[in-house]
Amino acid sequence: RELNEAGTTIMMVTHSPHDASYANRIINLFDGKVVTQKI
């Protein structure tokens, strides 16, 4: 989060909703496709 706030772009794969809560946007995949994107 600190690195991102300093200007670094971050893209993270995670199973954890808690870890995902640090992101500004969440993309959900299922069967190789984007099923939802939300701010």
ModelCIF file with pLDDT and N, C-alpha, C, O atoms, coordinates in Angstrom:
data_MODEL
#
_entry.id   MODEL 
#
_entity.id                         1 
_entity.type                       polymer 
_entity.pdbx_number_of_molecules   1 
#
_entity_poly.entity_id                      1 
_entity_poly.type                           'polypeptide(L)' 
_entity_poly.nstd_linkage                   no 
_entity_poly.nstd_monomer                   no 
_entity_poly.pdbx_seq_one_letter_code       RELNEAGTTIMMVTHSPHDASYANRIINLFDGKVVTQKI 
_entity_poly.pdbx_seq_one_letter_code_can   RELNEAGTTIMMVTHSPHDASYANRIINLFDGKVVTQKI 
_entity_poly.pdbx_strand_id                 A 
#
loop_
_entity_poly_seq.entity_id 
_entity_poly_seq.num 
_entity_poly_seq.mon_id 
_entity_poly_seq.hetero 
1 1  ARG n 
1 2  GLU n 
1 3  LEU n 
1 4  ASN n 
1 5  GLU n 
1 6  ALA n 
1 7  GLY n 
1 8  THR n 
1 9  THR n 
1 10 ILE n 
1 11 MET n 
1 12 MET n 
1 13 VAL n 
1 14 THR n 
1 15 HIS n 
1 16 SER n 
1 17 PRO n 
1 18 HIS n 
1 19 ASP n 
1 20 ALA n 
1 21 SER n 
1 22 TYR n 
1 23 ALA n 
1 24 ASN n 
1 25 ARG n 
1 26 ILE n 
1 27 ILE n 
1 28 ASN n 
1 29 LEU n 
1 30 PHE n 
1 31 ASP n 
1 32 GLY n 
1 33 LYS n 
1 34 VAL n 
1 35 VAL n 
1 36 THR n 
1 37 GLN n 
1 38 LYS n 
1 39 ILE n 
#
_struct_asym.id          A 
_struct_asym.entity_id   1 
#
loop_
_ma_qa_metric.id 
_ma_qa_metric.mode 
_ma_qa_metric.name 
_ma_qa_metric.software_group_id 
_ma_qa_metric.type 
1 global pLDDT . pLDDT 
2 local  pLDDT . pLDDT 
#
_ma_qa_metric_global.metric_id      1 
_ma_qa_metric_global.metric_value   93.72 
_ma_qa_metric_global.model_id       1 
_ma_qa_metric_global.ordinal_id     1 
#
loop_
_ma_qa_metric_local.label_asym_id 
_ma_qa_metric_local.label_comp_id 
_ma_qa_metric_local.label_seq_id 
_ma_qa_metric_local.metric_id 
_ma_qa_metric_local.metric_value 
_ma_qa_metric_local.model_id 
_ma_qa_metric_local.ordinal_id 
A ARG 1  2 93.00 1 1  
A GLU 2  2 92.00 1 2  
A LEU 3  2 92.00 1 3  
A ASN 4  2 94.00 1 4  
A GLU 5  2 93.00 1 5  
A ALA 6  2 92.00 1 6  
A GLY 7  2 92.00 1 7  
A THR 8  2 93.00 1 8  
A THR 9  2 96.00 1 9  
A ILE 10 2 97.00 1 10 
A MET 11 2 97.00 1 11 
A MET 12 2 97.00 1 12 
A VAL 13 2 95.00 1 13 
A THR 14 2 94.00 1 14 
A HIS 15 2 90.00 1 15 
A SER 16 2 92.00 1 16 
A PRO 17 2 92.00 1 17 
A HIS 18 2 93.00 1 18 
A ASP 19 2 94.00 1 19 
A ALA 20 2 94.00 1 20 
A SER 21 2 94.00 1 21 
A TYR 22 2 95.00 1 22 
A ALA 23 2 96.00 1 23 
A ASN 24 2 94.00 1 24 
A ARG 25 2 96.00 1 25 
A ILE 26 2 96.00 1 26 
A ILE 27 2 96.00 1 27 
A ASN 28 2 95.00 1 28 
A LEU 29 2 95.00 1 29 
A PHE 30 2 94.00 1 30 
A ASP 31 2 93.00 1 31 
A GLY 32 2 94.00 1 32 
A LYS 33 2 95.00 1 33 
A VAL 34 2 94.00 1 34 
A VAL 35 2 95.00 1 35 
A THR 36 2 93.00 1 36 
A GLN 37 2 91.00 1 37 
A LYS 38 2 90.00 1 38 
A ILE 39 2 87.00 1 39 
#
loop_
_atom_site.group_PDB 
_atom_site.id 
_atom_site.type_symbol 
_atom_site.label_atom_id 
_atom_site.label_alt_id 
_atom_site.label_comp_id 
_atom_site.label_asym_id 
_atom_site.label_entity_id 
_atom_site.label_seq_id 
_atom_site.pdbx_PDB_ins_code 
_atom_site.Cartn_x 
_atom_site.Cartn_y 
_atom_site.Cartn_z 
_atom_site.occupancy 
_atom_site.B_iso_or_equiv 
_atom_site.pdbx_formal_charge 
_atom_site.auth_seq_id 
_atom_site.auth_comp_id 
_atom_site.auth_asym_id 
_atom_site.auth_atom_id 
_atom_site.pdbx_PDB_model_num 
ATOM 1   N N  . ARG A 1 1  ? 0.829   -1.207  0.000   1.00 93.00 ? 1  ARG A N  1 
ATOM 2   C CA . ARG A 1 1  ? 0.000   0.000   0.000   1.00 93.00 ? 1  ARG A CA 1 
ATOM 3   C C  . ARG A 1 1  ? 0.866   1.262   0.000   1.00 93.00 ? 1  ARG A C  1 
ATOM 4   O O  . ARG A 1 1  ? 0.589   2.213   -0.731  1.00 93.00 ? 1  ARG A O  1 
ATOM 5   N N  . GLU A 1 2  ? 1.919   1.261   0.828   1.00 92.00 ? 2  GLU A N  1 
ATOM 6   C CA . GLU A 1 2  ? 2.803   2.420   0.891   1.00 92.00 ? 2  GLU A CA 1 
ATOM 7   C C  . GLU A 1 2  ? 3.498   2.663   -0.449  1.00 92.00 ? 2  GLU A C  1 
ATOM 8   O O  . GLU A 1 2  ? 3.643   3.805   -0.883  1.00 92.00 ? 2  GLU A O  1 
ATOM 9   N N  . LEU A 1 3  ? 3.929   1.575   -1.102  1.00 92.00 ? 3  LEU A N  1 
ATOM 10  C CA . LEU A 1 3  ? 4.558   1.705   -2.413  1.00 92.00 ? 3  LEU A CA 1 
ATOM 11  C C  . LEU A 1 3  ? 3.576   2.288   -3.421  1.00 92.00 ? 3  LEU A C  1 
ATOM 12  O O  . LEU A 1 3  ? 3.938   3.134   -4.239  1.00 92.00 ? 3  LEU A O  1 
ATOM 13  N N  . ASN A 1 4  ? 2.328   1.826   -3.353  1.00 94.00 ? 4  ASN A N  1 
ATOM 14  C CA . ASN A 1 4  ? 1.308   2.341   -4.261  1.00 94.00 ? 4  ASN A CA 1 
ATOM 15  C C  . ASN A 1 4  ? 1.040   3.821   -3.994  1.00 94.00 ? 4  ASN A C  1 
ATOM 16  O O  . ASN A 1 4  ? 0.908   4.607   -4.932  1.00 94.00 ? 4  ASN A O  1 
ATOM 17  N N  . GLU A 1 5  ? 0.961   4.197   -2.741  1.00 93.00 ? 5  GLU A N  1 
ATOM 18  C CA . GLU A 1 5  ? 0.710   5.592   -2.401  1.00 93.00 ? 5  GLU A CA 1 
ATOM 19  C C  . GLU A 1 5  ? 1.861   6.487   -2.856  1.00 93.00 ? 5  GLU A C  1 
ATOM 20  O O  . GLU A 1 5  ? 1.676   7.682   -3.089  1.00 93.00 ? 5  GLU A O  1 
ATOM 21  N N  . ALA A 1 6  ? 3.065   5.891   -2.980  1.00 92.00 ? 6  ALA A N  1 
ATOM 22  C CA . ALA A 1 6  ? 4.222   6.647   -3.466  1.00 92.00 ? 6  ALA A CA 1 
ATOM 23  C C  . ALA A 1 6  ? 4.264   6.711   -4.987  1.00 92.00 ? 6  ALA A C  1 
ATOM 24  O O  . ALA A 1 6  ? 5.155   7.339   -5.559  1.00 92.00 ? 6  ALA A O  1 
ATOM 25  N N  . GLY A 1 7  ? 3.292   6.056   -5.654  1.00 92.00 ? 7  GLY A N  1 
ATOM 26  C CA . GLY A 1 7  ? 3.180   6.190   -7.096  1.00 92.00 ? 7  GLY A CA 1 
ATOM 27  C C  . GLY A 1 7  ? 3.382   4.931   -7.913  1.00 92.00 ? 7  GLY A C  1 
ATOM 28  O O  . GLY A 1 7  ? 3.240   4.969   -9.135  1.00 92.00 ? 7  GLY A O  1 
ATOM 29  N N  . THR A 1 8  ? 3.717   3.795   -7.267  1.00 93.00 ? 8  THR A N  1 
ATOM 30  C CA . THR A 1 8  ? 3.947   2.551   -8.001  1.00 93.00 ? 8  THR A CA 1 
ATOM 31  C C  . THR A 1 8  ? 2.626   1.876   -8.350  1.00 93.00 ? 8  THR A C  1 
ATOM 32  O O  . THR A 1 8  ? 1.750   1.734   -7.497  1.00 93.00 ? 8  THR A O  1 
ATOM 33  N N  . THR A 1 9  ? 2.487   1.465   -9.591  1.00 96.00 ? 9  THR A N  1 
ATOM 34  C CA . THR A 1 9  ? 1.313   0.722   -10.031 1.00 96.00 ? 9  THR A CA 1 
ATOM 35  C C  . THR A 1 9  ? 1.462   -0.734  -9.600  1.00 96.00 ? 9  THR A C  1 
ATOM 36  O O  . THR A 1 9  ? 2.512   -1.341  -9.808  1.00 96.00 ? 9  THR A O  1 
ATOM 37  N N  . ILE A 1 10 ? 0.413   -1.294  -9.002  1.00 97.00 ? 10 ILE A N  1 
ATOM 38  C CA . ILE A 1 10 ? 0.474   -2.668  -8.494  1.00 97.00 ? 10 ILE A CA 1 
ATOM 39  C C  . ILE A 1 10 ? -0.717  -3.462  -9.008  1.00 97.00 ? 10 ILE A C  1 
ATOM 40  O O  . ILE A 1 10 ? -1.855  -2.995  -8.970  1.00 97.00 ? 10 ILE A O  1 
ATOM 41  N N  . MET A 1 11 ? -0.438  -4.665  -9.489  1.00 97.00 ? 11 MET A N  1 
ATOM 42  C CA . MET A 1 11 ? -1.489  -5.611  -9.841  1.00 97.00 ? 11 MET A CA 1 
ATOM 43  C C  . MET A 1 11 ? -1.210  -6.891  -9.071  1.00 97.00 ? 11 MET A C  1 
ATOM 44  O O  . MET A 1 11 ? -0.130  -7.471  -9.182  1.00 97.00 ? 11 MET A O  1 
ATOM 45  N N  . MET A 1 12 ? -2.186  -7.324  -8.296  1.00 97.00 ? 12 MET A N  1 
ATOM 46  C CA . MET A 1 12 ? -1.995  -8.430  -7.356  1.00 97.00 ? 12 MET A CA 1 
ATOM 47  C C  . MET A 1 12 ? -3.041  -9.515  -7.560  1.00 97.00 ? 12 MET A C  1 
ATOM 48  O O  . MET A 1 12 ? -4.235  -9.226  -7.642  1.00 97.00 ? 12 MET A O  1 
ATOM 49  N N  . VAL A 1 13 ? -2.595  -10.757 -7.642  1.00 95.00 ? 13 VAL A N  1 
ATOM 50  C CA . VAL A 1 13 ? -3.483  -11.923 -7.631  1.00 95.00 ? 13 VAL A CA 1 
ATOM 51  C C  . VAL A 1 13 ? -3.606  -12.394 -6.197  1.00 95.00 ? 13 VAL A C  1 
ATOM 52  O O  . VAL A 1 13 ? -2.603  -12.524 -5.496  1.00 95.00 ? 13 VAL A O  1 
ATOM 53  N N  . THR A 1 14 ? -4.836  -12.654 -5.751  1.00 94.00 ? 14 THR A N  1 
ATOM 54  C CA . THR A 1 14 ? -5.029  -13.110 -4.376  1.00 94.00 ? 14 THR A CA 1 
ATOM 55  C C  . THR A 1 14 ? -6.313  -13.915 -4.237  1.00 94.00 ? 14 THR A C  1 
ATOM 56  O O  . THR A 1 14 ? -7.288  -13.691 -4.954  1.00 94.00 ? 14 THR A O  1 
ATOM 57  N N  . HIS A 1 15 ? -6.292  -14.864 -3.289  1.00 90.00 ? 15 HIS A N  1 
ATOM 58  C CA . HIS A 1 15 ? -7.510  -15.571 -2.895  1.00 90.00 ? 15 HIS A CA 1 
ATOM 59  C C  . HIS A 1 15 ? -8.197  -14.841 -1.736  1.00 90.00 ? 15 HIS A C  1 
ATOM 60  O O  . HIS A 1 15 ? -9.351  -15.122 -1.410  1.00 90.00 ? 15 HIS A O  1 
ATOM 61  N N  . SER A 1 16 ? -7.477  -13.906 -1.123  1.00 92.00 ? 16 SER A N  1 
ATOM 62  C CA . SER A 1 16 ? -7.904  -13.327 0.148   1.00 92.00 ? 16 SER A CA 1 
ATOM 63  C C  . SER A 1 16 ? -8.735  -12.053 -0.025  1.00 92.00 ? 16 SER A C  1 
ATOM 64  O O  . SER A 1 16 ? -8.223  -11.062 -0.547  1.00 92.00 ? 16 SER A O  1 
ATOM 65  N N  . PRO A 1 17 ? -9.996  -12.055 0.397   1.00 92.00 ? 17 PRO A N  1 
ATOM 66  C CA . PRO A 1 17 ? -10.781 -10.814 0.367   1.00 92.00 ? 17 PRO A CA 1 
ATOM 67  C C  . PRO A 1 17 ? -10.141 -9.715  1.213   1.00 92.00 ? 17 PRO A C  1 
ATOM 68  O O  . PRO A 1 17 ? -10.235 -8.533  0.882   1.00 92.00 ? 17 PRO A O  1 
ATOM 69  N N  . HIS A 1 18 ? -9.487  -10.115 2.309   1.00 93.00 ? 18 HIS A N  1 
ATOM 70  C CA . HIS A 1 18 ? -8.828  -9.125  3.164   1.00 93.00 ? 18 HIS A CA 1 
ATOM 71  C C  . HIS A 1 18 ? -7.701  -8.428  2.401   1.00 93.00 ? 18 HIS A C  1 
ATOM 72  O O  . HIS A 1 18 ? -7.596  -7.202  2.428   1.00 93.00 ? 18 HIS A O  1 
ATOM 73  N N  . ASP A 1 19 ? -6.854  -9.218  1.716   1.00 94.00 ? 19 ASP A N  1 
ATOM 74  C CA . ASP A 1 19 ? -5.774  -8.610  0.944   1.00 94.00 ? 19 ASP A CA 1 
ATOM 75  C C  . ASP A 1 19 ? -6.335  -7.748  -0.186  1.00 94.00 ? 19 ASP A C  1 
ATOM 76  O O  . ASP A 1 19 ? -5.812  -6.672  -0.473  1.00 94.00 ? 19 ASP A O  1 
ATOM 77  N N  . ALA A 1 20 ? -7.395  -8.225  -0.819  1.00 94.00 ? 20 ALA A N  1 
ATOM 78  C CA . ALA A 1 20 ? -8.012  -7.464  -1.908  1.00 94.00 ? 20 ALA A CA 1 
ATOM 79  C C  . ALA A 1 20 ? -8.560  -6.130  -1.425  1.00 94.00 ? 20 ALA A C  1 
ATOM 80  O O  . ALA A 1 20 ? -8.694  -5.188  -2.206  1.00 94.00 ? 20 ALA A O  1 
ATOM 81  N N  . SER A 1 21 ? -8.877  -6.050  -0.131  1.00 94.00 ? 21 SER A N  1 
ATOM 82  C CA . SER A 1 21 ? -9.437  -4.803  0.400   1.00 94.00 ? 21 SER A CA 1 
ATOM 83  C C  . SER A 1 21 ? -8.434  -3.661  0.389   1.00 94.00 ? 21 SER A C  1 
ATOM 84  O O  . SER A 1 21 ? -8.812  -2.503  0.565   1.00 94.00 ? 21 SER A O  1 
ATOM 85  N N  . TYR A 1 22 ? -7.155  -3.976  0.183   1.00 95.00 ? 22 TYR A N  1 
ATOM 86  C CA . TYR A 1 22 ? -6.131  -2.928  0.087   1.00 95.00 ? 22 TYR A CA 1 
ATOM 87  C C  . TYR A 1 22 ? -6.123  -2.271  -1.293  1.00 95.00 ? 22 TYR A C  1 
ATOM 88  O O  . TYR A 1 22 ? -5.562  -1.189  -1.464  1.00 95.00 ? 22 TYR A O  1 
ATOM 89  N N  . ALA A 1 23 ? -6.745  -2.924  -2.272  1.00 96.00 ? 23 ALA A N  1 
ATOM 90  C CA . ALA A 1 23 ? -6.698  -2.436  -3.653  1.00 96.00 ? 23 ALA A CA 1 
ATOM 91  C C  . ALA A 1 23 ? -7.767  -1.383  -3.901  1.00 96.00 ? 23 ALA A C  1 
ATOM 92  O O  . ALA A 1 23 ? -8.766  -1.305  -3.186  1.00 96.00 ? 23 ALA A O  1 
ATOM 93  N N  . ASN A 1 24 ? -7.536  -0.580  -4.924  1.00 94.00 ? 24 ASN A N  1 
ATOM 94  C CA . ASN A 1 24 ? -8.513  0.437   -5.316  1.00 94.00 ? 24 ASN A CA 1 
ATOM 95  C C  . ASN A 1 24 ? -9.567  -0.114  -6.270  1.00 94.00 ? 24 ASN A C  1 
ATOM 96  O O  . ASN A 1 24 ? -10.651 0.450   -6.418  1.00 94.00 ? 24 ASN A O  1 
ATOM 97  N N  . ARG A 1 25 ? -9.218  -1.245  -6.925  1.00 96.00 ? 25 ARG A N  1 
ATOM 98  C CA . ARG A 1 25 ? -10.157 -1.870  -7.850  1.00 96.00 ? 25 ARG A CA 1 
ATOM 99  C C  . ARG A 1 25 ? -10.002 -3.384  -7.765  1.00 96.00 ? 25 ARG A C  1 
ATOM 100 O O  . ARG A 1 25 ? -8.893  -3.895  -7.609  1.00 96.00 ? 25 ARG A O  1 
ATOM 101 N N  . ILE A 1 26 ? -11.117 -4.093  -7.868  1.00 96.00 ? 26 ILE A N  1 
ATOM 102 C CA . ILE A 1 26 ? -11.104 -5.549  -7.764  1.00 96.00 ? 26 ILE A CA 1 
ATOM 103 C C  . ILE A 1 26 ? -11.716 -6.152  -9.020  1.00 96.00 ? 26 ILE A C  1 
ATOM 104 O O  . ILE A 1 26 ? -12.832 -5.811  -9.412  1.00 96.00 ? 26 ILE A O  1 
ATOM 105 N N  . ILE A 1 27 ? -10.958 -7.062  -9.649  1.00 96.00 ? 27 ILE A N  1 
ATOM 106 C CA . ILE A 1 27 ? -11.415 -7.784  -10.831 1.00 96.00 ? 27 ILE A CA 1 
ATOM 107 C C  . ILE A 1 27 ? -11.619 -9.242  -10.451 1.00 96.00 ? 27 ILE A C  1 
ATOM 108 O O  . ILE A 1 27 ? -10.732 -9.853  -9.857  1.00 96.00 ? 27 ILE A O  1 
ATOM 109 N N  . ASN A 1 28 ? -12.773 -9.807  -10.784 1.00 95.00 ? 28 ASN A N  1 
ATOM 110 C CA . ASN A 1 28 ? -13.044 -11.208 -10.511 1.00 95.00 ? 28 ASN A CA 1 
ATOM 111 C C  . ASN A 1 28 ? -13.023 -12.013 -11.801 1.00 95.00 ? 28 ASN A C  1 
ATOM 112 O O  . ASN A 1 28 ? -13.673 -11.654 -12.783 1.00 95.00 ? 28 ASN A O  1 
ATOM 113 N N  . LEU A 1 29 ? -12.261 -13.118 -11.786 1.00 95.00 ? 29 LEU A N  1 
ATOM 114 C CA . LEU A 1 29 ? -12.197 -14.035 -12.922 1.00 95.00 ? 29 LEU A CA 1 
ATOM 115 C C  . LEU A 1 29 ? -12.947 -15.322 -12.597 1.00 95.00 ? 29 LEU A C  1 
ATOM 116 O O  . LEU A 1 29 ? -13.007 -15.751 -11.445 1.00 95.00 ? 29 LEU A O  1 
ATOM 117 N N  . PHE A 1 30 ? -13.514 -15.924 -13.631 1.00 94.00 ? 30 PHE A N  1 
ATOM 118 C CA . PHE A 1 30 ? -14.118 -17.255 -13.514 1.00 94.00 ? 30 PHE A CA 1 
ATOM 119 C C  . PHE A 1 30 ? -14.031 -17.924 -14.876 1.00 94.00 ? 30 PHE A C  1 
ATOM 120 O O  . PHE A 1 30 ? -14.431 -17.350 -15.889 1.00 94.00 ? 30 PHE A O  1 
ATOM 121 N N  . ASP A 1 31 ? -13.505 -19.140 -14.892 1.00 93.00 ? 31 ASP A N  1 
ATOM 122 C CA . ASP A 1 31 ? -13.335 -19.887 -16.141 1.00 93.00 ? 31 ASP A CA 1 
ATOM 123 C C  . ASP A 1 31 ? -12.610 -19.072 -17.212 1.00 93.00 ? 31 ASP A C  1 
ATOM 124 O O  . ASP A 1 31 ? -12.958 -19.110 -18.393 1.00 93.00 ? 31 ASP A O  1 
ATOM 125 N N  . GLY A 1 32 ? -11.593 -18.336 -16.765 1.00 94.00 ? 32 GLY A N  1 
ATOM 126 C CA . GLY A 1 32 ? -10.757 -17.610 -17.709 1.00 94.00 ? 32 GLY A CA 1 
ATOM 127 C C  . GLY A 1 32 ? -11.320 -16.306 -18.215 1.00 94.00 ? 32 GLY A C  1 
ATOM 128 O O  . GLY A 1 32 ? -10.739 -15.686 -19.106 1.00 94.00 ? 32 GLY A O  1 
ATOM 129 N N  . LYS A 1 33 ? -12.448 -15.875 -17.662 1.00 95.00 ? 33 LYS A N  1 
ATOM 130 C CA . LYS A 1 33 ? -13.084 -14.639 -18.133 1.00 95.00 ? 33 LYS A CA 1 
ATOM 131 C C  . LYS A 1 33 ? -13.283 -13.665 -16.976 1.00 95.00 ? 33 LYS A C  1 
ATOM 132 O O  . LYS A 1 33 ? -13.448 -14.071 -15.826 1.00 95.00 ? 33 LYS A O  1 
ATOM 133 N N  . VAL A 1 34 ? -13.263 -12.371 -17.304 1.00 94.00 ? 34 VAL A N  1 
ATOM 134 C CA . VAL A 1 34 ? -13.618 -11.354 -16.319 1.00 94.00 ? 34 VAL A CA 1 
ATOM 135 C C  . VAL A 1 34 ? -15.128 -11.376 -16.135 1.00 94.00 ? 34 VAL A C  1 
ATOM 136 O O  . VAL A 1 34 ? -15.875 -11.161 -17.089 1.00 94.00 ? 34 VAL A O  1 
ATOM 137 N N  . VAL A 1 35 ? -15.583 -11.639 -14.899 1.00 95.00 ? 35 VAL A N  1 
ATOM 138 C CA . VAL A 1 35 ? -17.030 -11.678 -14.651 1.00 95.00 ? 35 VAL A CA 1 
ATOM 139 C C  . VAL A 1 35 ? -17.515 -10.414 -13.959 1.00 95.00 ? 35 VAL A C  1 
ATOM 140 O O  . VAL A 1 35 ? -18.663 -10.013 -14.149 1.00 95.00 ? 35 VAL A O  1 
ATOM 141 N N  . THR A 1 36 ? -16.658 -9.775  -13.155 1.00 93.00 ? 36 THR A N  1 
ATOM 142 C CA . THR A 1 36 ? -17.018 -8.493  -12.547 1.00 93.00 ? 36 THR A CA 1 
ATOM 143 C C  . THR A 1 36 ? -15.765 -7.632  -12.394 1.00 93.00 ? 36 THR A C  1 
ATOM 144 O O  . THR A 1 36 ? -14.659 -8.143  -12.220 1.00 93.00 ? 36 THR A O  1 
ATOM 145 N N  . GLN A 1 37 ? -15.962 -6.326  -12.462 1.00 91.00 ? 37 GLN A N  1 
ATOM 146 C CA . GLN A 1 37 ? -14.944 -5.346  -12.112 1.00 91.00 ? 37 GLN A CA 1 
ATOM 147 C C  . GLN A 1 37 ? -15.617 -4.282  -11.266 1.00 91.00 ? 37 GLN A C  1 
ATOM 148 O O  . GLN A 1 37 ? -16.702 -3.815  -11.612 1.00 91.00 ? 37 GLN A O  1 
ATOM 149 N N  . LYS A 1 38 ? -15.005 -3.897  -10.181 1.00 90.00 ? 38 LYS A N  1 
ATOM 150 C CA . LYS A 1 38 ? -15.622 -2.849  -9.365  1.00 90.00 ? 38 LYS A CA 1 
ATOM 151 C C  . LYS A 1 38 ? -14.559 -1.993  -8.694  1.00 90.00 ? 38 LYS A C  1 
ATOM 152 O O  . LYS A 1 38 ? -13.488 -2.473  -8.323  1.00 90.00 ? 38 LYS A O  1 
ATOM 153 N N  . ILE A 1 39 ? -14.879 -0.729  -8.551  1.00 87.00 ? 39 ILE A N  1 
ATOM 154 C CA . ILE A 1 39 ? -14.052 0.182   -7.765  1.00 87.00 ? 39 ILE A CA 1 
ATOM 155 C C  . ILE A 1 39 ? -14.276 -0.143  -6.296  1.00 87.00 ? 39 ILE A C  1 
ATOM 156 O O  . ILE A 1 39 ? -13.684 0.495   -5.426  1.00 87.00 ? 39 ILE A O  1 
#
